[in-house]
Amino acid sequence: MDSHSGDIPSIHVLGVRVHMLQIAGTLEIMESWIEERDKCRCVVATGMHGVMEARRDPQFKNIVNSADLFVPDGMSLVWVARRRGFPLR
């Protein structure tokens, strides 16, 4: 898997970009970043609560959307992903 977050499939949930990754893919990307040692990275792992907080607070939304990786953590985001054609487990 490519280590650049722009190449990772993502969806937008209430204006928040969520990458469509499972644990194995997330670890693969993070390991490649560690090997590259090119810059610091920001990874967000949250569920629908984080998305709702981002919707309420525009500054927090900017922070979340600027993360290198947003990993869905929780069944509600998995269900949204599945409805949009991504078979996350």
PDB file of N, CA and C in Angstrom:
ATOM      1  N   MET A   1       0.844  -1.190   0.000  1.00  0.00           N
ATOM      2  CA  MET A   1       0.000   0.000   0.000  1.00  0.00           C
ATOM      3  C   MET A   1       0.881   1.242   0.000  1.00  0.00           C
ATOM      4  N   ASP A   2       0.474   2.236  -0.728  1.00  0.00           N
ATOM      5  CA  ASP A   2       1.228   3.484  -0.802  1.00  0.00           C
ATOM      6  C   ASP A   2       1.171   4.178   0.556  1.00  0.00           C
ATOM      7  N   SER A   3       2.214   4.894   0.889  1.00  0.00           N
ATOM      8  CA  SER A   3       2.294   5.534   2.197  1.00  0.00           C
ATOM      9  C   SER A   3       1.776   6.967   2.204  1.00  0.00           C
ATOM     10  N   HIS A   4       1.238   7.442   1.103  1.00  0.00           N
ATOM     11  CA  HIS A   4       0.740   8.810   1.043  1.00  0.00           C
ATOM     12  C   HIS A   4      -0.766   8.809   1.233  1.00  0.00           C
ATOM     13  N   SER A   5      -1.268   9.582   2.196  1.00  0.00           N
ATOM     14  CA  SER A   5      -2.687   9.543   2.536  1.00  0.00           C
ATOM     15  C   SER A   5      -3.590   9.983   1.390  1.00  0.00           C
ATOM     16  N   GLY A   6      -3.069  10.746   0.436  1.00  0.00           N
ATOM     17  CA  GLY A   6      -3.869  11.145  -0.708  1.00  0.00           C
ATOM     18  C   GLY A   6      -4.223   9.972  -1.608  1.00  0.00           C
ATOM     19  N   ASP A   7      -3.469   8.881  -1.484  1.00  0.00           N
ATOM     20  CA  ASP A   7      -3.707   7.693  -2.294  1.00  0.00           C
ATOM     21  C   ASP A   7      -4.624   6.683  -1.605  1.00  0.00           C
ATOM     22  N   ILE A   8      -4.991   6.939  -0.362  1.00  0.00           N
ATOM     23  CA  ILE A   8      -5.830   6.020   0.406  1.00  0.00           C
ATOM     24  C   ILE A   8      -7.286   6.377   0.145  1.00  0.00           C
ATOM     25  N   PRO A   9      -8.110   5.387  -0.188  1.00  0.00           N
ATOM     26  CA  PRO A   9      -9.533   5.683  -0.387  1.00  0.00           C
ATOM     27  C   PRO A   9     -10.123   6.310   0.875  1.00  0.00           C
ATOM     28  N   SER A  10     -10.983   7.294   0.667  1.00  0.00           N
ATOM     29  CA  SER A  10     -11.628   7.949   1.804  1.00  0.00           C
ATOM     30  C   SER A  10     -13.041   8.351   1.437  1.00  0.00           C
ATOM     31  N   ILE A  11     -13.819   8.602   2.464  1.00  0.00           N
ATOM     32  CA  ILE A  11     -15.174   9.132   2.287  1.00  0.00           C
ATOM     33  C   ILE A  11     -15.291  10.361   3.186  1.00  0.00           C
ATOM     34  N   HIS A  12     -16.306  11.156   2.945  1.00  0.00           N
ATOM     35  CA  HIS A  12     -16.598  12.286   3.821  1.00  0.00           C
ATOM     36  C   HIS A  12     -17.879  11.977   4.581  1.00  0.00           C
ATOM     37  N   VAL A  13     -17.804  12.131   5.890  1.00  0.00           N
ATOM     38  CA  VAL A  13     -18.951  11.932   6.765  1.00  0.00           C
ATOM     39  C   VAL A  13     -19.191  13.248   7.482  1.00  0.00           C
ATOM     40  N   LEU A  14     -20.291  13.896   7.143  1.00  0.00           N
ATOM     41  CA  LEU A  14     -20.628  15.201   7.713  1.00  0.00           C
ATOM     42  C   LEU A  14     -19.465  16.185   7.589  1.00  0.00           C
ATOM     43  N   GLY A  15     -18.791  16.146   6.450  1.00  0.00           N
ATOM     44  CA  GLY A  15     -17.712  17.082   6.174  1.00  0.00           C
ATOM     45  C   GLY A  15     -16.352  16.676   6.702  1.00  0.00           C
ATOM     46  N   VAL A  16     -16.243  15.483   7.277  1.00  0.00           N
ATOM     47  CA  VAL A  16     -14.978  15.003   7.821  1.00  0.00           C
ATOM     48  C   VAL A  16     -14.473  13.855   6.948  1.00  0.00           C
ATOM     49  N   ARG A  17     -13.215  13.964   6.524  1.00  0.00           N
ATOM     50  CA  ARG A  17     -12.605  12.921   5.692  1.00  0.00           C
ATOM     51  C   ARG A  17     -12.203  11.737   6.580  1.00  0.00           C
ATOM     52  N   VAL A  18     -12.683  10.553   6.204  1.00  0.00           N
ATOM     53  CA  VAL A  18     -12.374   9.322   6.930  1.00  0.00           C
ATOM     54  C   VAL A  18     -11.743   8.348   5.944  1.00  0.00           C
ATOM     55  N   HIS A  19     -10.537   7.890   6.252  1.00  0.00           N
ATOM     56  CA  HIS A  19      -9.857   6.937   5.372  1.00  0.00           C
ATOM     57  C   HIS A  19     -10.444   5.547   5.555  1.00  0.00           C
ATOM     58  N   MET A  20     -10.573   4.846   4.446  1.00  0.00           N
ATOM     59  CA  MET A  20     -11.174   3.517   4.449  1.00  0.00           C
ATOM     60  C   MET A  20     -10.091   2.451   4.623  1.00  0.00           C
ATOM     61  N   LEU A  21      -9.675   2.280   5.863  1.00  0.00           N
ATOM     62  CA  LEU A  21      -8.604   1.345   6.199  1.00  0.00           C
ATOM     63  C   LEU A  21      -9.014   0.457   7.354  1.00  0.00           C
ATOM     64  N   GLN A  22      -8.447  -0.714   7.356  1.00  0.00           N
ATOM     65  CA  GLN A  22      -8.580  -1.607   8.497  1.00  0.00           C
ATOM     66  C   GLN A  22      -7.246  -1.607   9.238  1.00  0.00           C
ATOM     67  N   ILE A  23      -7.156  -2.335  10.320  1.00  0.00           N
ATOM     68  CA  ILE A  23      -5.961  -2.299  11.167  1.00  0.00           C
ATOM     69  C   ILE A  23      -4.707  -2.673  10.391  1.00  0.00           C
ATOM     70  N   ALA A  24      -4.749  -3.728   9.592  1.00  0.00           N
ATOM     71  CA  ALA A  24      -3.550  -4.161   8.861  1.00  0.00           C
ATOM     72  C   ALA A  24      -3.036  -3.068   7.925  1.00  0.00           C
ATOM     73  N   GLY A  25      -3.919  -2.419   7.208  1.00  0.00           N
ATOM     74  CA  GLY A  25      -3.519  -1.345   6.303  1.00  0.00           C
ATOM     75  C   GLY A  25      -2.981  -0.140   7.043  1.00  0.00           C
ATOM     76  N   THR A  26      -3.589   0.165   8.176  1.00  0.00           N
ATOM     77  CA  THR A  26      -3.125   1.273   8.997  1.00  0.00           C
ATOM     78  C   THR A  26      -1.707   1.014   9.486  1.00  0.00           C
ATOM     79  N   LEU A  27      -1.465  -0.186   9.988  1.00  0.00           N
ATOM     80  CA  LEU A  27      -0.128  -0.535  10.473  1.00  0.00           C
ATOM     81  C   LEU A  27       0.902  -0.502   9.354  1.00  0.00           C
ATOM     82  N   GLU A  28       0.519  -0.970   8.179  1.00  0.00           N
ATOM     83  CA  GLU A  28       1.436  -0.950   7.030  1.00  0.00           C
ATOM     84  C   GLU A  28       1.863   0.479   6.693  1.00  0.00           C
ATOM     85  N   ILE A  29       0.909   1.381   6.673  1.00  0.00           N
ATOM     86  CA  ILE A  29       1.211   2.784   6.368  1.00  0.00           C
ATOM     87  C   ILE A  29       2.087   3.391   7.454  1.00  0.00           C
ATOM     88  N   MET A  30       1.740   3.151   8.707  1.00  0.00           N
ATOM     89  CA  MET A  30       2.518   3.720   9.801  1.00  0.00           C
ATOM     90  C   MET A  30       3.942   3.173   9.807  1.00  0.00           C
ATOM     91  N   GLU A  31       4.110   1.897   9.514  1.00  0.00           N
ATOM     92  CA  GLU A  31       5.455   1.316   9.433  1.00  0.00           C
ATOM     93  C   GLU A  31       6.262   1.958   8.308  1.00  0.00           C
ATOM     94  N   SER A  32       5.619   2.220   7.176  1.00  0.00           N
ATOM     95  CA  SER A  32       6.341   2.864   6.072  1.00  0.00           C
ATOM     96  C   SER A  32       6.744   4.285   6.456  1.00  0.00           C
ATOM     97  N   TRP A  33       5.887   4.992   7.195  1.00  0.00           N
ATOM     98  CA  TRP A  33       6.238   6.331   7.649  1.00  0.00           C
ATOM     99  C   TRP A  33       7.434   6.290   8.599  1.00  0.00           C
ATOM    100  N   ILE A  34       7.466   5.295   9.471  1.00  0.00           N
ATOM    101  CA  ILE A  34       8.595   5.167  10.400  1.00  0.00           C
ATOM    102  C   ILE A  34       9.883   4.921   9.627  1.00  0.00           C
ATOM    103  N   GLU A  35       9.814   4.063   8.621  1.00  0.00           N
ATOM    104  CA  GLU A  35      10.998   3.772   7.800  1.00  0.00           C
ATOM    105  C   GLU A  35      11.447   4.995   7.005  1.00  0.00           C
ATOM    106  N   GLU A  36      10.501   5.766   6.479  1.00  0.00           N
ATOM    107  CA  GLU A  36      10.836   6.946   5.676  1.00  0.00           C
ATOM    108  C   GLU A  36      11.501   8.036   6.510  1.00  0.00           C
ATOM    109  N   ARG A  37      11.045   8.221   7.734  1.00  0.00           N
ATOM    110  CA  ARG A  37      11.590   9.241   8.643  1.00  0.00           C
ATOM    111  C   ARG A  37      11.670  10.624   7.984  1.00  0.00           C
ATOM    112  N   ASP A  38      10.688  10.958   7.157  1.00  0.00           N
ATOM    113  CA  ASP A  38      10.759  12.233   6.451  1.00  0.00           C
ATOM    114  C   ASP A  38      10.114  13.392   7.205  1.00  0.00           C
ATOM    115  N   LYS A  39       9.093  13.115   8.015  1.00  0.00           N
ATOM    116  CA  LYS A  39       8.445  14.184   8.774  1.00  0.00           C
ATOM    117  C   LYS A  39       7.544  13.569   9.840  1.00  0.00           C
ATOM    118  N   CYS A  40       7.069  14.401  10.734  1.00  0.00           N
ATOM    119  CA  CYS A  40       6.108  13.948  11.736  1.00  0.00           C
ATOM    120  C   CYS A  40       4.750  13.767  11.077  1.00  0.00           C
ATOM    121  N   ARG A  41       3.984  12.833  11.566  1.00  0.00           N
ATOM    122  CA  ARG A  41       2.654  12.557  11.021  1.00  0.00           C
ATOM    123  C   ARG A  41       1.606  12.663  12.123  1.00  0.00           C
ATOM    124  N   CYS A  42       0.386  12.941  11.716  1.00  0.00           N
ATOM    125  CA  CYS A  42      -0.734  13.014  12.644  1.00  0.00           C
ATOM    126  C   CYS A  42      -1.765  11.962  12.242  1.00  0.00           C
ATOM    127  N   VAL A  43      -2.120  11.107  13.192  1.00  0.00           N
ATOM    128  CA  VAL A  43      -3.113  10.067  12.961  1.00  0.00           C
ATOM    129  C   VAL A  43      -4.268  10.289  13.927  1.00  0.00           C
ATOM    130  N   VAL A  44      -5.475  10.314  13.395  1.00  0.00           N
ATOM    131  CA  VAL A  44      -6.687  10.450  14.204  1.00  0.00           C
ATOM    132  C   VAL A  44      -7.387   9.099  14.196  1.00  0.00           C
ATOM    133  N   ALA A  45      -7.751   8.626  15.364  1.00  0.00           N
ATOM    134  CA  ALA A  45      -8.548   7.395  15.479  1.00  0.00           C
ATOM    135  C   ALA A  45      -9.733   7.722  16.369  1.00  0.00           C
ATOM    136  N   THR A  46     -10.876   7.860  15.755  1.00  0.00           N
ATOM    137  CA  THR A  46     -12.078   8.202  16.518  1.00  0.00           C
ATOM    138  C   THR A  46     -13.294   7.649  15.792  1.00  0.00           C
ATOM    139  N   GLY A  47     -14.380   7.655  16.492  1.00  0.00           N
ATOM    140  CA  GLY A  47     -15.643   7.199  15.926  1.00  0.00           C
ATOM    141  C   GLY A  47     -16.543   8.375  15.604  1.00  0.00           C
ATOM    142  N   MET A  48     -17.817   8.114  15.635  1.00  0.00           N
ATOM    143  CA  MET A  48     -18.795   9.130  15.278  1.00  0.00           C
ATOM    144  C   MET A  48     -18.782  10.318  16.246  1.00  0.00           C
ATOM    145  N   HIS A  49     -18.388  10.096  17.490  1.00  0.00           N
ATOM    146  CA  HIS A  49     -18.304  11.210  18.446  1.00  0.00           C
ATOM    147  C   HIS A  49     -17.329  12.282  17.942  1.00  0.00           C
ATOM    148  N   GLY A  50     -16.166  11.852  17.446  1.00  0.00           N
ATOM    149  CA  GLY A  50     -15.195  12.800  16.913  1.00  0.00           C
ATOM    150  C   GLY A  50     -15.725  13.540  15.696  1.00  0.00           C
ATOM    151  N   VAL A  51     -16.466  12.827  14.853  1.00  0.00           N
ATOM    152  CA  VAL A  51     -17.066  13.453  13.670  1.00  0.00           C
ATOM    153  C   VAL A  51     -18.082  14.508  14.098  1.00  0.00           C
ATOM    154  N   MET A  52     -18.902  14.173  15.094  1.00  0.00           N
ATOM    155  CA  MET A  52     -19.909  15.129  15.565  1.00  0.00           C
ATOM    156  C   MET A  52     -19.260  16.347  16.229  1.00  0.00           C
ATOM    157  N   GLU A  53     -18.187  16.128  16.972  1.00  0.00           N
ATOM    158  CA  GLU A  53     -17.472  17.255  17.574  1.00  0.00           C
ATOM    159  C   GLU A  53     -16.870  18.149  16.490  1.00  0.00           C
ATOM    160  N   ALA A  54     -16.357  17.532  15.426  1.00  0.00           N
ATOM    161  CA  ALA A  54     -15.801  18.303  14.307  1.00  0.00           C
ATOM    162  C   ALA A  54     -16.894  19.104  13.610  1.00  0.00           C
ATOM    163  N   ARG A  55     -18.062  18.543  13.532  1.00  0.00           N
ATOM    164  CA  ARG A  55     -19.186  19.260  12.918  1.00  0.00           C
ATOM    165  C   ARG A  55     -19.577  20.476  13.755  1.00  0.00           C
ATOM    166  N   ARG A  56     -19.487  20.337  15.059  1.00  0.00           N
ATOM    167  CA  ARG A  56     -19.862  21.413  15.980  1.00  0.00           C
ATOM    168  C   ARG A  56     -18.792  22.503  16.059  1.00  0.00           C
ATOM    169  N   ASP A  57     -17.524  22.110  15.940  1.00  0.00           N
ATOM    170  CA  ASP A  57     -16.413  23.042  16.136  1.00  0.00           C
ATOM    171  C   ASP A  57     -15.568  23.135  14.864  1.00  0.00           C
ATOM    172  N   PRO A  58     -15.703  24.226  14.093  1.00  0.00           N
ATOM    173  CA  PRO A  58     -14.975  24.350  12.820  1.00  0.00           C
ATOM    174  C   PRO A  58     -13.456  24.271  12.961  1.00  0.00           C
ATOM    175  N   GLN A  59     -12.914  24.783  14.047  1.00  0.00           N
ATOM    176  CA  GLN A  59     -11.473  24.723  14.251  1.00  0.00           C
ATOM    177  C   GLN A  59     -11.015  23.277  14.445  1.00  0.00           C
ATOM    178  N   PHE A  60     -11.766  22.512  15.227  1.00  0.00           N
ATOM    179  CA  PHE A  60     -11.457  21.100  15.419  1.00  0.00           C
ATOM    180  C   PHE A  60     -11.605  20.328  14.103  1.00  0.00           C
ATOM    181  N   LYS A  61     -12.614  20.700  13.319  1.00  0.00           N
ATOM    182  CA  LYS A  61     -12.826  20.070  12.011  1.00  0.00           C
ATOM    183  C   LYS A  61     -11.613  20.292  11.110  1.00  0.00           C
ATOM    184  N   ASN A  62     -11.056  21.486  11.110  1.00  0.00           N
ATOM    185  CA  ASN A  62      -9.855  21.766  10.318  1.00  0.00           C
ATOM    186  C   ASN A  62      -8.685  20.896  10.767  1.00  0.00           C
ATOM    187  N   ILE A  63      -8.543  20.740  12.070  1.00  0.00           N
ATOM    188  CA  ILE A  63      -7.467  19.908  12.605  1.00  0.00           C
ATOM    189  C   ILE A  63      -7.644  18.457  12.164  1.00  0.00           C
ATOM    190  N   VAL A  64      -8.838  17.936  12.338  1.00  0.00           N
ATOM    191  CA  VAL A  64      -9.121  16.538  11.974  1.00  0.00           C
ATOM    192  C   VAL A  64      -8.908  16.324  10.476  1.00  0.00           C
ATOM    193  N   ASN A  65      -9.407  17.239   9.661  1.00  0.00           N
ATOM    194  CA  ASN A  65      -9.271  17.078   8.218  1.00  0.00           C
ATOM    195  C   ASN A  65      -7.844  17.278   7.717  1.00  0.00           C
ATOM    196  N   SER A  66      -6.990  17.882   8.523  1.00  0.00           N
ATOM    197  CA  SER A  66      -5.604  18.059   8.105  1.00  0.00           C
ATOM    198  C   SER A  66      -4.713  16.902   8.551  1.00  0.00           C
ATOM    199  N   ALA A  67      -5.264  15.958   9.299  1.00  0.00           N
ATOM    200  CA  ALA A  67      -4.488  14.798   9.748  1.00  0.00           C
ATOM    201  C   ALA A  67      -4.017  13.988   8.541  1.00  0.00           C
ATOM    202  N   ASP A  68      -2.872  13.362   8.677  1.00  0.00           N
ATOM    203  CA  ASP A  68      -2.357  12.511   7.604  1.00  0.00           C
ATOM    204  C   ASP A  68      -3.215  11.260   7.426  1.00  0.00           C
ATOM    205  N   LEU A  69      -3.851  10.849   8.503  1.00  0.00           N
ATOM    206  CA  LEU A  69      -4.645   9.629   8.460  1.00  0.00           C
ATOM    207  C   LEU A  69      -5.768   9.734   9.478  1.00  0.00           C
ATOM    208  N   PHE A  70      -6.990   9.450   9.047  1.00  0.00           N
ATOM    209  CA  PHE A  70      -8.146   9.372   9.945  1.00  0.00           C
ATOM    210  C   PHE A  70      -8.647   7.947   9.866  1.00  0.00           C
ATOM    211  N   VAL A  71      -8.445   7.199  10.941  1.00  0.00           N
ATOM    212  CA  VAL A  71      -8.818   5.787  10.993  1.00  0.00           C
ATOM    213  C   VAL A  71     -10.178   5.664  11.674  1.00  0.00           C
ATOM    214  N   PRO A  72     -11.157   5.029  11.017  1.00  0.00           N
ATOM    215  CA  PRO A  72     -12.463   4.869  11.647  1.00  0.00           C
ATOM    216  C   PRO A  72     -12.372   3.924  12.842  1.00  0.00           C
ATOM    217  N   ASP A  73     -12.885   4.384  13.977  1.00  0.00           N
ATOM    218  CA  ASP A  73     -12.851   3.604  15.200  1.00  0.00           C
ATOM    219  C   ASP A  73     -14.260   3.535  15.763  1.00  0.00           C
ATOM    220  N   GLY A  74     -14.951   2.483  15.435  1.00  0.00           N
ATOM    221  CA  GLY A  74     -16.319   2.327  15.919  1.00  0.00           C
ATOM    222  C   GLY A  74     -17.231   1.831  14.816  1.00  0.00           C
ATOM    223  N   MET A  75     -18.250   1.115  15.230  1.00  0.00           N
ATOM    224  CA  MET A  75     -19.140   0.479  14.255  1.00  0.00           C
ATOM    225  C   MET A  75     -19.953   1.474  13.446  1.00  0.00           C
ATOM    226  N   SER A  76     -20.286   2.627  13.991  1.00  0.00           N
ATOM    227  CA  SER A  76     -21.114   3.558  13.211  1.00  0.00           C
ATOM    228  C   SER A  76     -20.390   4.006  11.943  1.00  0.00           C
ATOM    229  N   LEU A  77     -19.093   4.264  12.018  1.00  0.00           N
ATOM    230  CA  LEU A  77     -18.349   4.645  10.810  1.00  0.00           C
ATOM    231  C   LEU A  77     -18.147   3.441   9.889  1.00  0.00           C
ATOM    232  N   VAL A  78     -18.020   2.255  10.455  1.00  0.00           N
ATOM    233  CA  VAL A  78     -17.933   1.041   9.630  1.00  0.00           C
ATOM    234  C   VAL A  78     -19.233   0.854   8.861  1.00  0.00           C
ATOM    235  N   TRP A  79     -20.362   1.074   9.512  1.00  0.00           N
ATOM    236  CA  TRP A  79     -21.656   0.938   8.822  1.00  0.00           C
ATOM    237  C   TRP A  79     -21.796   1.954   7.694  1.00  0.00           C
ATOM    238  N   VAL A  80     -21.375   3.187   7.926  1.00  0.00           N
ATOM    239  CA  VAL A  80     -21.408   4.202   6.869  1.00  0.00           C
ATOM    240  C   VAL A  80     -20.515   3.769   5.705  1.00  0.00           C
ATOM    241  N   ALA A  81     -19.323   3.276   6.020  1.00  0.00           N
ATOM    242  CA  ALA A  81     -18.395   2.816   4.985  1.00  0.00           C
ATOM    243  C   ALA A  81     -19.019   1.695   4.156  1.00  0.00           C
ATOM    244  N   ARG A  82     -19.631   0.744   4.812  1.00  0.00           N
ATOM    245  CA  ARG A  82     -20.265  -0.377   4.102  1.00  0.00           C
ATOM    246  C   ARG A  82     -21.381   0.116   3.184  1.00  0.00           C
ATOM    247  N   ARG A  83     -22.175   1.063   3.656  1.00  0.00           N
ATOM    248  CA  ARG A  83     -23.265   1.596   2.830  1.00  0.00           C
ATOM    249  C   ARG A  83     -22.732   2.320   1.600  1.00  0.00           C
ATOM    250  N   ARG A  84     -21.488   2.787   1.691  1.00  0.00           N
ATOM    251  CA  ARG A  84     -20.874   3.493   0.558  1.00  0.00           C
ATOM    252  C   ARG A  84     -19.959   2.594  -0.260  1.00  0.00           C
ATOM    253  N   GLY A  85     -20.042   1.280   0.000  1.00  0.00           N
ATOM    254  CA  GLY A  85     -19.333   0.330  -0.854  1.00  0.00           C
ATOM    255  C   GLY A  85     -17.969  -0.118  -0.379  1.00  0.00           C
ATOM    256  N   PHE A  86     -17.577   0.218   0.829  1.00  0.00           N
ATOM    257  CA  PHE A  86     -16.291  -0.224   1.373  1.00  0.00           C
ATOM    258  C   PHE A  86     -16.541  -1.315   2.401  1.00  0.00           C
ATOM    259  N   PRO A  87     -16.102  -2.532   2.115  1.00  0.00           N
ATOM    260  CA  PRO A  87     -16.424  -3.667   3.001  1.00  0.00           C
ATOM    261  C   PRO A  87     -15.529  -3.750   4.244  1.00  0.00           C
ATOM    262  N   LEU A  88     -15.537  -2.727   5.069  1.00  0.00           N
ATOM    263  CA  LEU A  88     -14.748  -2.762   6.303  1.00  0.00           C
ATOM    264  C   LEU A  88     -15.345  -3.783   7.261  1.00  0.00           C
ATOM    265  N   ARG A  89     -14.470  -4.391   8.041  1.00  0.00           N
ATOM    266  CA  ARG A  89     -14.927  -5.340   9.069  1.00  0.00           C
ATOM    267  C   ARG A  89     -14.887  -4.686  10.422  1.00  0.00           C
TER     268      ARG A  89
END
